[in-house]
Amino acid sequence: MTVSLAGSGRAFCRNWFIALGILLTVSYVSTSRGAMLESDGKFTEFPLPNPNSGPTTVSIARDGTLWFTESSGNRIGRMNQDGSGLKEFELPHAGSAPRIITIGADGHMWFSEHLGNRMGRITSAGVISEFEIPTPNSQPRATALAKDGNVYFGEFAGGKIGRITPAGAITEFQIPTPDSGPRALAAGPDGNVWFSEFNASKIGRLTPAGAIAEFELPRPNSGPGDITAGADGAMWFVELSGRMDGRQPDGNRVGKITLDGKITEYPIPSASGSPINIAVGPDRNIWFTKAGKLGRVTSDGRITEFDIPPGGGPTGLSAGSDRCPPTRLIDKLWFTAGNRLVYLAFR
């Protein structure tokens, strides 16, 4: 079923940071614009038409179109950045729980079906193809486009990293540590794929040839989660906190690992809630989501947190790099929150 709300214009703006007396200013100088990039803290919100859709992650196509997963609604959504042209595409199998979406080398959007045990592909016209993962009940989660032109994905319950070609051929790589729980992955600037091992408190690295190296975090039970390539050439990740997936990790930190394996951790100021997703923002700083907040991390590890408008979330976020080195960034930081899509504008 396809639902279209073209030109609905259901957007709401709030100067949330200004209401709190905060002016959000950043110091990235764009080489193309030659001007300082900053945000005045204005959020623009777009409610989704179907209640309880569960928007989870968001990705930005090459033409600027926004694509997102609806884990509870079992749909993939598409919307222009001004809120027009909203369409939702129902997945062929009920209960698939689409989780992470990313752009592929073929220009199509690829996504994981966490409970369906499949990888999916959707064209710009909304045509969906699905590919069964060989390992049963593998619980695929994170997806990322690597330098070799393939999309990689983590199998949380399968303990493997999967690779799918544009033609749909799947290869799986077993992680040496048993039951490691690969929760997230990202393409690094070194051409390798880096991933978090939630159960093992490790960060892993997979080469295109299939060789895996693992790096232990300084503290046991850190619960590493989402990971991305930073503008500084390192890989950045969040460490989760609270009861989840049968464990109670004691993270609540943002971590950084250099390409040679040196790890640094930065405690998050707020004690409650868990960081969820991480991305590079339009200002080239690291940003993360946490219950009711967005967090910003500068290259030297300084963390600032900002309240978002009420209504649930936030969860996934993107400014265009989508777990790849940040060579493609737009002037908005998009995120999912409650039953909405929201962006924070930069200029």
Foldseek 3Di string as FASTA:
>chain_A
DKDFDFPVQPKDKDLQCVVVVHFFFFAFQDPVVRDGKGFSRIKIWDFDPDAQQQWFAWAAFPVRWIWTHRQRNQWIWIAHPSGGTIMIAHDPDPNQRWAEWYAFLVRWIWTHRQQNQWIWTAHPVGDIDIAHDPDPNQRWHEWEQFPVRWIWIHRQQNQWIWTAHPVGDIDIAHDPDPNQRFAYWFYAPVRWIWTHRQQFQWIWIAHPVGDIDIAHDPDPLQRWHYWAQAQVRWIKTFGWAQDDPNDGGDHQWIWIAHPVGDIDIAHDPDDDWTWAYWEQAPSRWIWTWTWQWIWTAHPVGDIDIGGDDDAADWHYWYQHQRRYNPPDGDQWIWTHGHSIIMIGGMD
